[in-house]
Protein backbone atom coordinates (compact mmCIF):
# COMPACT_ATOMS: atom_id res chain seq x y z
CA MET A 1 133.48 17.03 -66.60
CA ASN A 2 130.38 16.94 -64.39
CA ASN A 3 131.32 17.49 -60.74
CA VAL A 4 129.59 19.51 -58.03
CA THR A 5 130.40 20.18 -54.36
CA LEU A 6 127.79 21.86 -52.16
CA ILE A 7 127.41 22.76 -48.49
CA GLY A 8 123.99 23.58 -47.11
CA ARG A 9 121.26 22.77 -44.62
CA LEU A 10 118.49 20.26 -45.24
CA THR A 11 115.14 21.90 -45.94
CA ARG A 12 113.24 18.72 -45.00
CA ASP A 13 113.88 15.25 -43.62
CA PRO A 14 115.22 12.77 -46.19
CA GLU A 15 112.55 10.61 -47.83
CA VAL A 16 113.68 7.04 -48.57
CA ARG A 17 112.02 4.62 -50.96
CA TYR A 18 113.20 1.28 -52.26
CA THR A 19 113.40 0.21 -55.91
CA SER A 20 110.98 -2.56 -56.83
CA GLY A 21 113.49 -4.97 -58.36
CA THR A 22 116.68 -4.78 -56.33
CA GLN A 23 115.26 -3.14 -53.18
CA MET A 24 118.00 -0.47 -53.37
CA ALA A 25 117.39 2.50 -51.08
CA VAL A 26 116.90 5.90 -52.76
CA ALA A 27 116.92 8.99 -50.52
CA ARG A 28 115.71 12.39 -51.68
CA PHE A 29 116.05 15.73 -49.94
CA SER A 30 116.93 19.32 -50.74
CA ILE A 31 119.40 21.71 -49.18
CA ALA A 32 119.41 25.50 -48.80
CA ILE A 33 122.52 27.29 -50.07
CA ASP A 34 122.90 31.05 -49.74
CA ARG A 35 124.27 32.80 -52.80
CA PRO A 36 127.40 34.86 -52.14
CA VAL A 37 125.93 37.97 -53.83
CA ARG A 38 122.82 39.80 -52.73
CA ASN A 39 120.17 41.00 -55.17
CA ASN A 40 119.65 44.68 -56.14
CA GLY A 41 117.49 45.23 -53.06
CA GLY A 42 120.26 43.96 -50.75
CA GLU A 43 118.37 40.77 -49.89
CA LYS A 44 119.99 37.35 -49.61
CA GLN A 45 119.18 34.88 -52.33
CA THR A 46 119.08 31.16 -51.73
CA ASP A 47 119.18 28.12 -53.99
CA PHE A 48 117.42 24.85 -53.12
CA PRO A 49 118.95 22.00 -55.17
CA ASN A 50 117.35 18.56 -54.97
CA ILE A 51 119.71 15.78 -53.86
CA VAL A 52 119.40 12.05 -54.65
CA VAL A 53 121.45 9.41 -52.80
CA PHE A 54 121.50 5.64 -53.42
CA GLY A 55 122.22 2.46 -51.45
CA LYS A 56 123.71 2.37 -47.96
CA ARG A 57 124.45 6.10 -48.10
CA ALA A 58 120.73 6.72 -48.60
CA GLU A 59 119.87 4.63 -45.54
CA ASN A 60 122.47 6.52 -43.48
CA CYS A 61 120.99 9.83 -44.61
CA GLU A 62 117.54 8.72 -43.44
CA ARG A 63 118.96 7.44 -40.16
CA PHE A 64 121.19 10.37 -39.18
CA LEU A 65 119.96 13.47 -41.03
CA GLY A 66 117.01 15.72 -40.43
CA LYS A 67 115.71 19.13 -41.38
CA GLY A 68 118.22 21.87 -40.53
CA ARG A 69 121.31 19.64 -40.46
CA LEU A 70 124.43 20.93 -42.22
CA VAL A 71 125.80 18.62 -44.94
CA GLY A 72 128.44 18.62 -47.62
CA VAL A 73 127.45 16.91 -50.87
CA GLN A 74 129.73 15.76 -53.68
CA GLY A 75 128.29 14.37 -56.87
CA ARG A 76 127.13 15.22 -60.36
CA ILE A 77 124.29 17.20 -61.90
CA GLN A 78 121.68 15.16 -63.74
CA THR A 79 118.83 16.46 -65.85
CA GLY A 80 115.76 14.63 -67.01
CA SER A 81 112.12 15.00 -67.92
CA TYR A 82 108.77 13.28 -67.54
CA VAL A 83 105.18 13.86 -68.57
CA ASN A 84 102.93 14.72 -65.62
CA LYS A 85 99.31 13.62 -65.16
CA ASP A 86 98.10 16.65 -67.11
CA GLY A 87 100.19 15.64 -70.14
CA VAL A 88 102.71 18.46 -69.65
CA LYS A 89 106.41 17.72 -70.03
CA VAL A 90 108.28 18.64 -66.83
CA TYR A 91 112.06 19.12 -66.81
CA THR A 92 114.09 18.18 -63.74
CA THR A 93 117.57 18.98 -62.44
CA GLU A 94 119.05 17.23 -59.41
CA VAL A 95 122.37 16.39 -57.83
CA VAL A 96 123.16 12.67 -57.71
CA ALA A 97 125.39 12.40 -54.64
CA ASN A 98 128.42 10.14 -54.53
CA ASN A 99 129.29 11.35 -51.04
CA VAL A 100 127.32 13.05 -48.25
CA GLU A 101 129.33 14.40 -45.30
CA PHE A 102 127.49 15.06 -42.04
CA LEU A 103 128.99 18.41 -40.96
CA ASP A 104 127.15 18.80 -37.66
CA TRP A 105 125.77 16.28 -35.23
CA GLY A 106 122.69 17.30 -33.32
CA ASP A 107 120.53 15.24 -31.03
CA ARG A 108 118.75 12.69 -33.23
CA SER A 109 115.86 12.56 -30.75
CA GLU A 110 114.91 16.14 -31.78
CA ARG A 111 113.60 14.70 -35.04
CA GLY A 112 112.36 11.41 -33.62
CA SER A 113 113.60 8.01 -34.62
CA SER A 114 111.60 5.87 -37.00
CA ARG A 115 113.23 2.71 -35.58
CA PRO A 116 111.44 0.79 -32.82
CA ALA A 117 112.96 1.11 -29.34
CA GLU A 118 114.03 -2.53 -29.22
CA GLN A 119 116.33 -1.99 -32.22
CA THR A 120 118.16 1.04 -30.81
CA SER A 121 121.35 0.93 -28.80
CA PRO A 122 123.00 3.49 -26.50
CA LYS A 123 125.28 4.41 -29.43
CA ASP A 124 122.18 5.24 -31.49
CA ASP A 125 120.95 7.61 -28.77
CA MET A 126 124.24 9.52 -29.00
CA GLY A 127 124.08 9.70 -32.82
CA ILE A 128 127.25 7.61 -33.26
CA PRO A 129 127.40 5.58 -36.49
CA ASP A 130 128.21 1.86 -36.44
CA GLY A 131 131.95 1.20 -36.28
CA PHE A 132 132.67 4.28 -34.13
CA GLN A 133 132.84 4.71 -30.39
CA ALA A 134 132.07 7.57 -28.02
CA ILE A 135 134.95 9.79 -26.92
CA GLU A 136 135.30 10.23 -23.20
CA ASP A 137 135.52 13.77 -21.80
CA ASP A 138 138.77 13.24 -19.87
CA ILE A 139 141.12 13.12 -22.89
CA PRO A 140 144.69 13.83 -21.68
CA PHE A 141 145.63 16.32 -24.39
């Protein structure tokens, strides 16, 4: 069984690229996760796993996530290797995400939108995904 669930904050904005053949979106980012146990000196230790997301989820990560945002990631661990330009074999470990949950919603304008102004809507300004609507403040319960 290969299953991982992580909660952490993005260390950088997601970077999205598209595959050459199918034009599938591939987002890459890393998250910071504090370890529950401190080291011998009493200092916190943190892990920084690399996350890879594909397809529509990748595009949503680029659109709605930014450095510092809290996310939950479910997926699997994948290892691999490649030979770098110096001829040295480099080993990689990353989490291939099946699901990315946005656990906090900040103001998207803090990070700046890469979409032109004519393509944005009032819902975009509030950080509300397509298919959802804003909740009014005068809820009767």
